[in-house]
Amino acid sequence: MNVTQVLKEGTDDNVEGKVRPFLARPSCREHLGLVEGKSYLIMGRSVDLPKLGGSLQYVFGERTWVEYWPTREESPTPEHSERYIGITKLQNNLIDFGCTT
């Protein structure tokens, strides 16, 4: 996956704009419903970032939050407006005020 924006920096420094591998158990992949070319808000714990071969592996674990991030064009639709507003507010709050670890 391409990391397009970092809202809260974790243990992987300088990751914005880079490609990182995301791993999920085969039984979970279909349930995630990820679609190529779409954007997602992904939140997880640093414990779910094991090192393998000198680089961090992003693992979708039981405590990983994955939320579809609608585009601005999708924002007025009934299906996506509430989600778009919520994620945009979170994005702005984290950019403006940050958060404690």
PDB file of N, CA and C in Angstrom:
ATOM      1  N   MET A   1       0.835  -1.177   0.000  1.00  0.00           N
ATOM      2  CA  MET A   1       0.000   0.000   0.000  1.00  0.00           C
ATOM      3  C   MET A   1       0.876   1.234   0.000  1.00  0.00           C
ATOM      4  N   ASN A   2       0.387   2.269  -0.642  1.00  0.00           N
ATOM      5  CA  ASN A   2       1.073   3.550  -0.640  1.00  0.00           C
ATOM      6  C   ASN A   2       0.523   4.385   0.515  1.00  0.00           C
ATOM      7  N   VAL A   3       1.404   4.844   1.379  1.00  0.00           N
ATOM      8  CA  VAL A   3       1.008   5.672   2.512  1.00  0.00           C
ATOM      9  C   VAL A   3       0.959   7.119   2.010  1.00  0.00           C
ATOM     10  N   THR A   4      -0.243   7.650   1.843  1.00  0.00           N
ATOM     11  CA  THR A   4      -0.382   8.981   1.253  1.00  0.00           C
ATOM     12  C   THR A   4      -0.302  10.096   2.284  1.00  0.00           C
ATOM     13  N   GLN A   5      -0.735   9.830   3.507  1.00  0.00           N
ATOM     14  CA  GLN A   5      -0.696  10.857   4.544  1.00  0.00           C
ATOM     15  C   GLN A   5      -0.585  10.189   5.905  1.00  0.00           C
ATOM     16  N   VAL A   6       0.251  10.742   6.753  1.00  0.00           N
ATOM     17  CA  VAL A   6       0.405  10.253   8.119  1.00  0.00           C
ATOM     18  C   VAL A   6      -0.250  11.270   9.041  1.00  0.00           C
ATOM     19  N   LEU A   7      -1.265  10.845   9.779  1.00  0.00           N
ATOM     20  CA  LEU A   7      -1.949  11.735  10.706  1.00  0.00           C
ATOM     21  C   LEU A   7      -1.294  11.730  12.075  1.00  0.00           C
ATOM     22  N   LYS A   8      -0.736  10.605  12.457  1.00  0.00           N
ATOM     23  CA  LYS A   8       0.001  10.501  13.721  1.00  0.00           C
ATOM     24  C   LYS A   8       1.181   9.578  13.488  1.00  0.00           C
ATOM     25  N   GLU A   9       2.361  10.156  13.599  1.00  0.00           N
ATOM     26  CA  GLU A   9       3.573   9.387  13.353  1.00  0.00           C
ATOM     27  C   GLU A   9       3.751   8.323  14.423  1.00  0.00           C
ATOM     28  N   GLY A  10       4.123   7.157  13.979  1.00  0.00           N
ATOM     29  CA  GLY A  10       4.361   6.051  14.891  1.00  0.00           C
ATOM     30  C   GLY A  10       5.832   5.688  14.923  1.00  0.00           C
ATOM     31  N   THR A  11       6.108   4.404  14.957  1.00  0.00           N
ATOM     32  CA  THR A  11       7.487   3.938  15.067  1.00  0.00           C
ATOM     33  C   THR A  11       8.186   3.846  13.714  1.00  0.00           C
ATOM     34  N   ASP A  12       7.460   3.966  12.620  1.00  0.00           N
ATOM     35  CA  ASP A  12       8.041   3.922  11.281  1.00  0.00           C
ATOM     36  C   ASP A  12       8.231   5.366  10.804  1.00  0.00           C
ATOM     37  N   ASP A  13       9.453   5.856  10.901  1.00  0.00           N
ATOM     38  CA  ASP A  13       9.744   7.242  10.545  1.00  0.00           C
ATOM     39  C   ASP A  13       9.734   7.445   9.032  1.00  0.00           C
ATOM     40  N   ASN A  14       9.348   8.651   8.631  1.00  0.00           N
ATOM     41  CA  ASN A  14       9.442   9.070   7.238  1.00  0.00           C
ATOM     42  C   ASN A  14       8.727   8.097   6.286  1.00  0.00           C
ATOM     43  N   VAL A  15       7.506   7.741   6.600  1.00  0.00           N
ATOM     44  CA  VAL A  15       6.763   6.748   5.817  1.00  0.00           C
ATOM     45  C   VAL A  15       5.835   7.392   4.779  1.00  0.00           C
ATOM     46  N   GLU A  16       5.517   8.679   4.966  1.00  0.00           N
ATOM     47  CA  GLU A  16       4.576   9.334   4.067  1.00  0.00           C
ATOM     48  C   GLU A  16       5.099   9.325   2.626  1.00  0.00           C
ATOM     49  N   GLY A  17       4.220   8.911   1.711  1.00  0.00           N
ATOM     50  CA  GLY A  17       4.578   8.837   0.303  1.00  0.00           C
ATOM     51  C   GLY A  17       5.321   7.579  -0.093  1.00  0.00           C
ATOM     52  N   LYS A  18       5.498   6.672   0.840  1.00  0.00           N
ATOM     53  CA  LYS A  18       6.239   5.436   0.563  1.00  0.00           C
ATOM     54  C   LYS A  18       5.285   4.246   0.487  1.00  0.00           C
ATOM     55  N   VAL A  19       5.751   3.199  -0.136  1.00  0.00           N
ATOM     56  CA  VAL A  19       4.986   1.957  -0.222  1.00  0.00           C
ATOM     57  C   VAL A  19       5.410   1.057   0.929  1.00  0.00           C
ATOM     58  N   ARG A  20       4.430   0.493   1.601  1.00  0.00           N
ATOM     59  CA  ARG A  20       4.696  -0.426   2.697  1.00  0.00           C
ATOM     60  C   ARG A  20       3.848  -1.687   2.515  1.00  0.00           C
ATOM     61  N   PRO A  21       4.395  -2.844   2.913  1.00  0.00           N
ATOM     62  CA  PRO A  21       3.594  -4.079   2.840  1.00  0.00           C
ATOM     63  C   PRO A  21       2.610  -4.148   4.001  1.00  0.00           C
ATOM     64  N   PHE A  22       1.385  -4.491   3.708  1.00  0.00           N
ATOM     65  CA  PHE A  22       0.369  -4.723   4.729  1.00  0.00           C
ATOM     66  C   PHE A  22      -0.014  -6.186   4.644  1.00  0.00           C
ATOM     67  N   LEU A  23      -0.015  -6.853   5.777  1.00  0.00           N
ATOM     68  CA  LEU A  23      -0.275  -8.286   5.822  1.00  0.00           C
ATOM     69  C   LEU A  23      -1.546  -8.583   6.601  1.00  0.00           C
ATOM     70  N   ALA A  24      -2.288  -9.561   6.122  1.00  0.00           N
ATOM     71  CA  ALA A  24      -3.487 -10.017   6.828  1.00  0.00           C
ATOM     72  C   ALA A  24      -3.591 -11.526   6.656  1.00  0.00           C
ATOM     73  N   ARG A  25      -4.176 -12.162   7.619  1.00  0.00           N
ATOM     74  CA  ARG A  25      -4.412 -13.605   7.509  1.00  0.00           C
ATOM     75  C   ARG A  25      -5.316 -13.861   6.306  1.00  0.00           C
ATOM     76  N   PRO A  26      -5.073 -14.936   5.588  1.00  0.00           N
ATOM     77  CA  PRO A  26      -5.896 -15.223   4.401  1.00  0.00           C
ATOM     78  C   PRO A  26      -7.397 -15.212   4.690  1.00  0.00           C
ATOM     79  N   SER A  27      -7.783 -15.690   5.864  1.00  0.00           N
ATOM     80  CA  SER A  27      -9.209 -15.740   6.201  1.00  0.00           C
ATOM     81  C   SER A  27      -9.801 -14.344   6.425  1.00  0.00           C
ATOM     82  N   CYS A  28      -8.955 -13.335   6.679  1.00  0.00           N
ATOM     83  CA  CYS A  28      -9.423 -11.970   6.945  1.00  0.00           C
ATOM     84  C   CYS A  28      -9.405 -11.083   5.708  1.00  0.00           C
ATOM     85  N   ARG A  29      -8.625 -11.418   4.715  1.00  0.00           N
ATOM     86  CA  ARG A  29      -8.436 -10.541   3.559  1.00  0.00           C
ATOM     87  C   ARG A  29      -9.744 -10.200   2.865  1.00  0.00           C
ATOM     88  N   GLU A  30     -10.560 -11.200   2.619  1.00  0.00           N
ATOM     89  CA  GLU A  30     -11.832 -10.957   1.924  1.00  0.00           C
ATOM     90  C   GLU A  30     -12.746 -10.087   2.784  1.00  0.00           C
ATOM     91  N   HIS A  31     -12.754 -10.332   4.075  1.00  0.00           N
ATOM     92  CA  HIS A  31     -13.605  -9.570   4.992  1.00  0.00           C
ATOM     93  C   HIS A  31     -13.217  -8.090   5.020  1.00  0.00           C
ATOM     94  N   LEU A  32     -11.931  -7.777   4.866  1.00  0.00           N
ATOM     95  CA  LEU A  32     -11.483  -6.385   4.868  1.00  0.00           C
ATOM     96  C   LEU A  32     -12.095  -5.605   3.708  1.00  0.00           C
ATOM     97  N   GLY A  33     -12.267  -6.252   2.571  1.00  0.00           N
ATOM     98  CA  GLY A  33     -12.903  -5.611   1.425  1.00  0.00           C
ATOM     99  C   GLY A  33     -12.118  -4.454   0.830  1.00  0.00           C
ATOM    100  N   LEU A  34     -10.804  -4.491   0.948  1.00  0.00           N
ATOM    101  CA  LEU A  34      -9.983  -3.411   0.403  1.00  0.00           C
ATOM    102  C   LEU A  34     -10.025  -3.445  -1.117  1.00  0.00           C
ATOM    103  N   VAL A  35     -10.107  -2.261  -1.719  1.00  0.00           N
ATOM    104  CA  VAL A  35     -10.203  -2.140  -3.169  1.00  0.00           C
ATOM    105  C   VAL A  35      -9.012  -1.330  -3.663  1.00  0.00           C
ATOM    106  N   GLU A  36      -8.331  -1.851  -4.656  1.00  0.00           N
ATOM    107  CA  GLU A  36      -7.184  -1.149  -5.227  1.00  0.00           C
ATOM    108  C   GLU A  36      -7.619   0.214  -5.762  1.00  0.00           C
ATOM    109  N   GLY A  37      -6.814   1.228  -5.460  1.00  0.00           N
ATOM    110  CA  GLY A  37      -7.107   2.572  -5.920  1.00  0.00           C
ATOM    111  C   GLY A  37      -7.959   3.396  -4.964  1.00  0.00           C
ATOM    112  N   LYS A  38      -8.500   2.770  -3.920  1.00  0.00           N
ATOM    113  CA  LYS A  38      -9.299   3.483  -2.918  1.00  0.00           C
ATOM    114  C   LYS A  38      -8.407   3.864  -1.742  1.00  0.00           C
ATOM    115  N   SER A  39      -8.876   4.811  -0.929  1.00  0.00           N
ATOM    116  CA  SER A  39      -8.120   5.262   0.243  1.00  0.00           C
ATOM    117  C   SER A  39      -8.791   4.782   1.521  1.00  0.00           C
ATOM    118  N   TYR A  40      -7.952   4.522   2.527  1.00  0.00           N
ATOM    119  CA  TYR A  40      -8.442   4.010   3.799  1.00  0.00           C
ATOM    120  C   TYR A  40      -7.715   4.696   4.954  1.00  0.00           C
ATOM    121  N   LEU A  41      -8.440   4.904   6.030  1.00  0.00           N
ATOM    122  CA  LEU A  41      -7.846   5.331   7.283  1.00  0.00           C
ATOM    123  C   LEU A  41      -7.507   4.043   8.018  1.00  0.00           C
ATOM    124  N   ILE A  42      -6.248   3.885   8.368  1.00  0.00           N
ATOM    125  CA  ILE A  42      -5.813   2.676   9.061  1.00  0.00           C
ATOM    126  C   ILE A  42      -5.145   3.094  10.362  1.00  0.00           C
ATOM    127  N   MET A  43      -5.648   2.571  11.460  1.00  0.00           N
ATOM    128  CA  MET A  43      -5.077   2.852  12.771  1.00  0.00           C
ATOM    129  C   MET A  43      -4.770   1.530  13.452  1.00  0.00           C
ATOM    130  N   GLY A  44      -3.612   1.490  14.076  1.00  0.00           N
ATOM    131  CA  GLY A  44      -3.228   0.267  14.756  1.00  0.00           C
ATOM    132  C   GLY A  44      -2.233   0.545  15.853  1.00  0.00           C
ATOM    133  N   ARG A  45      -1.731  -0.516  16.402  1.00  0.00           N
ATOM    134  CA  ARG A  45      -0.784  -0.416  17.509  1.00  0.00           C
ATOM    135  C   ARG A  45       0.620  -0.732  17.011  1.00  0.00           C
ATOM    136  N   SER A  46       1.612  -0.123  17.638  1.00  0.00           N
ATOM    137  CA  SER A  46       2.997  -0.358  17.224  1.00  0.00           C
ATOM    138  C   SER A  46       3.413  -1.807  17.450  1.00  0.00           C
ATOM    139  N   VAL A  47       2.747  -2.501  18.352  1.00  0.00           N
ATOM    140  CA  VAL A  47       3.064  -3.908  18.595  1.00  0.00           C
ATOM    141  C   VAL A  47       2.714  -4.764  17.374  1.00  0.00           C
ATOM    142  N   ASP A  48       1.848  -4.233  16.495  1.00  0.00           N
ATOM    143  CA  ASP A  48       1.480  -4.953  15.280  1.00  0.00           C
ATOM    144  C   ASP A  48       2.400  -4.613  14.110  1.00  0.00           C
ATOM    145  N   LEU A  49       3.588  -4.078  14.422  1.00  0.00           N
ATOM    146  CA  LEU A  49       4.579  -3.733  13.414  1.00  0.00           C
ATOM    147  C   LEU A  49       5.881  -4.500  13.656  1.00  0.00           C
ATOM    148  N   PRO A  50       5.863  -5.821  13.496  1.00  0.00           N
ATOM    149  CA  PRO A  50       7.091  -6.579  13.726  1.00  0.00           C
ATOM    150  C   PRO A  50       8.119  -6.291  12.629  1.00  0.00           C
ATOM    151  N   LYS A  51       9.385  -6.407  13.000  1.00  0.00           N
ATOM    152  CA  LYS A  51      10.457  -6.232  12.022  1.00  0.00           C
ATOM    153  C   LYS A  51      10.790  -7.582  11.398  1.00  0.00           C
ATOM    154  N   LEU A  52      10.934  -7.567  10.083  1.00  0.00           N
ATOM    155  CA  LEU A  52      11.315  -8.774   9.355  1.00  0.00           C
ATOM    156  C   LEU A  52      12.283  -8.343   8.266  1.00  0.00           C
ATOM    157  N   GLY A  53      13.495  -8.869   8.320  1.00  0.00           N
ATOM    158  CA  GLY A  53      14.490  -8.506   7.324  1.00  0.00           C
ATOM    159  C   GLY A  53      14.883  -7.045   7.385  1.00  0.00           C
ATOM    160  N   GLY A  54      14.842  -6.438   8.560  1.00  0.00           N
ATOM    161  CA  GLY A  54      15.257  -5.054   8.727  1.00  0.00           C
ATOM    162  C   GLY A  54      14.195  -4.013   8.453  1.00  0.00           C
ATOM    163  N   SER A  55      13.001  -4.438   8.026  1.00  0.00           N
ATOM    164  CA  SER A  55      11.941  -3.453   7.788  1.00  0.00           C
ATOM    165  C   SER A  55      10.669  -3.863   8.528  1.00  0.00           C
ATOM    166  N   LEU A  56       9.864  -2.860   8.844  1.00  0.00           N
ATOM    167  CA  LEU A  56       8.625  -3.123   9.571  1.00  0.00           C
ATOM    168  C   LEU A  56       7.582  -3.754   8.657  1.00  0.00           C
ATOM    169  N   GLN A  57       6.840  -4.668   9.211  1.00  0.00           N
ATOM    170  CA  GLN A  57       5.740  -5.318   8.503  1.00  0.00           C
ATOM    171  C   GLN A  57       4.433  -4.838   9.127  1.00  0.00           C
ATOM    172  N   TYR A  58       3.557  -4.270   8.333  1.00  0.00           N
ATOM    173  CA  TYR A  58       2.271  -3.781   8.837  1.00  0.00           C
ATOM    174  C   TYR A  58       1.295  -4.950   8.832  1.00  0.00           C
ATOM    175  N   VAL A  59       0.851  -5.330  10.008  1.00  0.00           N
ATOM    176  CA  VAL A  59      -0.025  -6.490  10.150  1.00  0.00           C
ATOM    177  C   VAL A  59      -1.414  -6.021  10.563  1.00  0.00           C
ATOM    178  N   PHE A  60      -2.416  -6.422   9.804  1.00  0.00           N
ATOM    179  CA  PHE A  60      -3.798  -6.168  10.195  1.00  0.00           C
ATOM    180  C   PHE A  60      -4.140  -7.156  11.288  1.00  0.00           C
ATOM    181  N   GLY A  61      -4.195  -6.672  12.528  1.00  0.00           N
ATOM    182  CA  GLY A  61      -4.493  -7.527  13.667  1.00  0.00           C
ATOM    183  C   GLY A  61      -5.897  -7.275  14.172  1.00  0.00           C
ATOM    184  N   GLU A  62      -6.215  -7.916  15.275  1.00  0.00           N
ATOM    185  CA  GLU A  62      -7.563  -7.799  15.840  1.00  0.00           C
ATOM    186  C   GLU A  62      -7.866  -6.395  16.345  1.00  0.00           C
ATOM    187  N   ARG A  63      -6.841  -5.601  16.584  1.00  0.00           N
ATOM    188  CA  ARG A  63      -7.046  -4.229  17.068  1.00  0.00           C
ATOM    189  C   ARG A  63      -6.716  -3.174  16.017  1.00  0.00           C
ATOM    190  N   THR A  64      -6.648  -3.574  14.767  1.00  0.00           N
ATOM    191  CA  THR A  64      -6.407  -2.627  13.688  1.00  0.00           C
ATOM    192  C   THR A  64      -7.751  -2.087  13.211  1.00  0.00           C
ATOM    193  N   TRP A  65      -7.827  -0.763  13.098  1.00  0.00           N
ATOM    194  CA  TRP A  65      -9.043  -0.126  12.618  1.00  0.00           C
ATOM    195  C   TRP A  65      -8.828   0.253  11.158  1.00  0.00           C
ATOM    196  N   VAL A  66      -9.721  -0.221  10.276  1.00  0.00           N
ATOM    197  CA  VAL A  66      -9.651   0.088   8.857  1.00  0.00           C
ATOM    198  C   VAL A  66     -10.982   0.699   8.453  1.00  0.00           C
ATOM    199  N   GLU A  67     -10.934   1.910   7.919  1.00  0.00           N
ATOM    200  CA  GLU A  67     -12.153   2.634   7.549  1.00  0.00           C
ATOM    201  C   GLU A  67     -11.983   3.187   6.140  1.00  0.00           C
ATOM    202  N   TYR A  68     -12.953   2.950   5.272  1.00  0.00           N
ATOM    203  CA  TYR A  68     -12.895   3.527   3.936  1.00  0.00           C
ATOM    204  C   TYR A  68     -12.903   5.043   4.048  1.00  0.00           C
ATOM    205  N   TRP A  69     -12.024   5.707   3.326  1.00  0.00           N
ATOM    206  CA  TRP A  69     -11.915   7.164   3.350  1.00  0.00           C
ATOM    207  C   TRP A  69     -12.492   7.693   2.043  1.00  0.00           C
ATOM    208  N   PRO A  70     -13.738   8.134   2.070  1.00  0.00           N
ATOM    209  CA  PRO A  70     -14.378   8.600   0.836  1.00  0.00           C
ATOM    210  C   PRO A  70     -13.661   9.814   0.237  1.00  0.00           C
ATOM    211  N   THR A  71     -13.782   9.943  -1.058  1.00  0.00           N
ATOM    212  CA  THR A  71     -13.209  11.094  -1.740  1.00  0.00           C
ATOM    213  C   THR A  71     -14.092  12.317  -1.526  1.00  0.00           C
ATOM    214  N   ARG A  72     -13.557  13.478  -1.823  1.00  0.00           N
ATOM    215  CA  ARG A  72     -14.336  14.718  -1.717  1.00  0.00           C
ATOM    216  C   ARG A  72     -15.571  14.645  -2.623  1.00  0.00           C
ATOM    217  N   GLU A  73     -15.425  14.017  -3.779  1.00  0.00           N
ATOM    218  CA  GLU A  73     -16.550  13.888  -4.716  1.00  0.00           C
ATOM    219  C   GLU A  73     -17.661  12.998  -4.159  1.00  0.00           C
ATOM    220  N   GLU A  74     -17.302  12.024  -3.344  1.00  0.00           N
ATOM    221  CA  GLU A  74     -18.293  11.126  -2.733  1.00  0.00           C
ATOM    222  C   GLU A  74     -18.944  11.736  -1.496  1.00  0.00           C
ATOM    223  N   SER A  75     -18.347  12.796  -0.945  1.00  0.00           N
ATOM    224  CA  SER A  75     -18.786  13.339   0.341  1.00  0.00           C
ATOM    225  C   SER A  75     -20.249  13.783   0.391  1.00  0.00           C
ATOM    226  N   PRO A  76     -20.845  14.299  -0.687  1.00  0.00           N
ATOM    227  CA  PRO A  76     -22.252  14.710  -0.557  1.00  0.00           C
ATOM    228  C   PRO A  76     -23.259  13.550  -0.603  1.00  0.00           C
ATOM    229  N   THR A  77     -22.811  12.349  -0.929  1.00  0.00           N
ATOM    230  CA  THR A  77     -23.749  11.237  -1.051  1.00  0.00           C
ATOM    231  C   THR A  77     -24.187  10.752   0.328  1.00  0.00           C
ATOM    232  N   PRO A  78     -25.436  10.315   0.455  1.00  0.00           N
ATOM    233  CA  PRO A  78     -25.929   9.820   1.751  1.00  0.00           C
ATOM    234  C   PRO A  78     -25.076   8.674   2.308  1.00  0.00           C
ATOM    235  N   GLU A  79     -24.545   7.856   1.419  1.00  0.00           N
ATOM    236  CA  GLU A  79     -23.748   6.705   1.843  1.00  0.00           C
ATOM    237  C   GLU A  79     -22.431   7.119   2.507  1.00  0.00           C
ATOM    238  N   HIS A  80     -21.867   8.248   2.077  1.00  0.00           N
ATOM    239  CA  HIS A  80     -20.520   8.599   2.521  1.00  0.00           C
ATOM    240  C   HIS A  80     -20.398   9.900   3.295  1.00  0.00           C
ATOM    241  N   SER A  81     -21.438  10.720   3.355  1.00  0.00           N
ATOM    242  CA  SER A  81     -21.279  12.059   3.933  1.00  0.00           C
ATOM    243  C   SER A  81     -20.860  12.030   5.400  1.00  0.00           C
ATOM    244  N   GLU A  82     -21.500  11.226   6.217  1.00  0.00           N
ATOM    245  CA  GLU A  82     -21.181  11.175   7.644  1.00  0.00           C
ATOM    246  C   GLU A  82     -19.747  10.693   7.878  1.00  0.00           C
ATOM    247  N   ARG A  83     -19.339   9.667   7.157  1.00  0.00           N
ATOM    248  CA  ARG A  83     -17.989   9.133   7.289  1.00  0.00           C
ATOM    249  C   ARG A  83     -16.958  10.168   6.841  1.00  0.00           C
ATOM    250  N   TYR A  84     -17.219  10.836   5.729  1.00  0.00           N
ATOM    251  CA  TYR A  84     -16.296  11.844   5.217  1.00  0.00           C
ATOM    252  C   TYR A  84     -16.126  12.985   6.225  1.00  0.00           C
ATOM    253  N   ILE A  85     -17.225  13.454   6.779  1.00  0.00           N
ATOM    254  CA  ILE A  85     -17.173  14.535   7.766  1.00  0.00           C
ATOM    255  C   ILE A  85     -16.389  14.097   9.008  1.00  0.00           C
ATOM    256  N   GLY A  86     -16.655  12.893   9.494  1.00  0.00           N
ATOM    257  CA  GLY A  86     -15.971  12.390  10.684  1.00  0.00           C
ATOM    258  C   GLY A  86     -14.475  12.239  10.482  1.00  0.00           C
ATOM    259  N   ILE A  87     -14.078  11.658   9.375  1.00  0.00           N
ATOM    260  CA  ILE A  87     -12.649  11.461   9.119  1.00  0.00           C
ATOM    261  C   ILE A  87     -11.963  12.795   8.877  1.00  0.00           C
ATOM    262  N   THR A  88     -12.640  13.709   8.193  1.00  0.00           N
ATOM    263  CA  THR A  88     -12.062  15.026   7.945  1.00  0.00           C
ATOM    264  C   THR A  88     -11.856  15.786   9.253  1.00  0.00           C
ATOM    265  N   LYS A  89     -12.815  15.697  10.175  1.00  0.00           N
ATOM    266  CA  LYS A  89     -12.657  16.324  11.489  1.00  0.00           C
ATOM    267  C   LYS A  89     -11.480  15.718  12.248  1.00  0.00           C
ATOM    268  N   LEU A  90     -11.376  14.397  12.242  1.00  0.00           N
ATOM    269  CA  LEU A  90     -10.252  13.719  12.893  1.00  0.00           C
ATOM    270  C   LEU A  90      -8.939  14.172  12.264  1.00  0.00           C
ATOM    271  N   GLN A  91      -8.887  14.189  10.956  1.00  0.00           N
ATOM    272  CA  GLN A  91      -7.694  14.617  10.233  1.00  0.00           C
ATOM    273  C   GLN A  91      -7.289  16.034  10.647  1.00  0.00           C
ATOM    274  N   ASN A  92      -8.233  16.951  10.635  1.00  0.00           N
ATOM    275  CA  ASN A  92      -7.937  18.340  10.995  1.00  0.00           C
ATOM    276  C   ASN A  92      -7.486  18.470  12.447  1.00  0.00           C
ATOM    277  N   ASN A  93      -8.143  17.769  13.364  1.00  0.00           N
ATOM    278  CA  ASN A  93      -7.756  17.814  14.781  1.00  0.00           C
ATOM    279  C   ASN A  93      -6.330  17.284  14.985  1.00  0.00           C
ATOM    280  N   LEU A  94      -6.005  16.185  14.330  1.00  0.00           N
ATOM    281  CA  LEU A  94      -4.668  15.623  14.499  1.00  0.00           C
ATOM    282  C   LEU A  94      -3.614  16.517  13.880  1.00  0.00           C
ATOM    283  N   ILE A  95      -3.920  17.121  12.744  1.00  0.00           N
ATOM    284  CA  ILE A  95      -2.961  18.034  12.118  1.00  0.00           C
ATOM    285  C   ILE A  95      -2.784  19.297  12.959  1.00  0.00           C
ATOM    286  N   ASP A  96      -3.909  19.856  13.444  1.00  0.00           N
ATOM    287  CA  ASP A  96      -3.853  21.113  14.195  1.00  0.00           C
ATOM    288  C   ASP A  96      -3.330  20.951  15.621  1.00  0.00           C
ATOM    289  N   PHE A  97      -3.736  19.887  16.293  1.00  0.00           N
ATOM    290  CA  PHE A  97      -3.446  19.757  17.711  1.00  0.00           C
ATOM    291  C   PHE A  97      -2.578  18.550  18.068  1.00  0.00           C
ATOM    292  N   GLY A  98      -2.458  17.588  17.153  1.00  0.00           N
ATOM    293  CA  GLY A  98      -1.709  16.377  17.442  1.00  0.00           C
ATOM    294  C   GLY A  98      -2.422  15.561  18.496  1.00  0.00           C
ATOM    295  N   CYS A  99      -1.751  14.594  19.035  1.00  0.00           N
ATOM    296  CA  CYS A  99      -2.309  13.824  20.145  1.00  0.00           C
ATOM    297  C   CYS A  99      -1.158  13.180  20.901  1.00  0.00           C
ATOM    298  N   THR A 100      -1.438  12.845  22.132  1.00  0.00           N
ATOM    299  CA  THR A 100      -0.410  12.217  22.945  1.00  0.00           C
ATOM    300  C   THR A 100      -0.357  10.726  22.656  1.00  0.00           C
ATOM    301  N   THR A 101       0.785  10.172  22.886  1.00  0.00           N
ATOM    302  CA  THR A 101       0.963   8.741  22.642  1.00  0.00           C
ATOM    303  C   THR A 101       0.632   7.952  23.874  1.00  0.00           C
TER     304      THR A 101
END
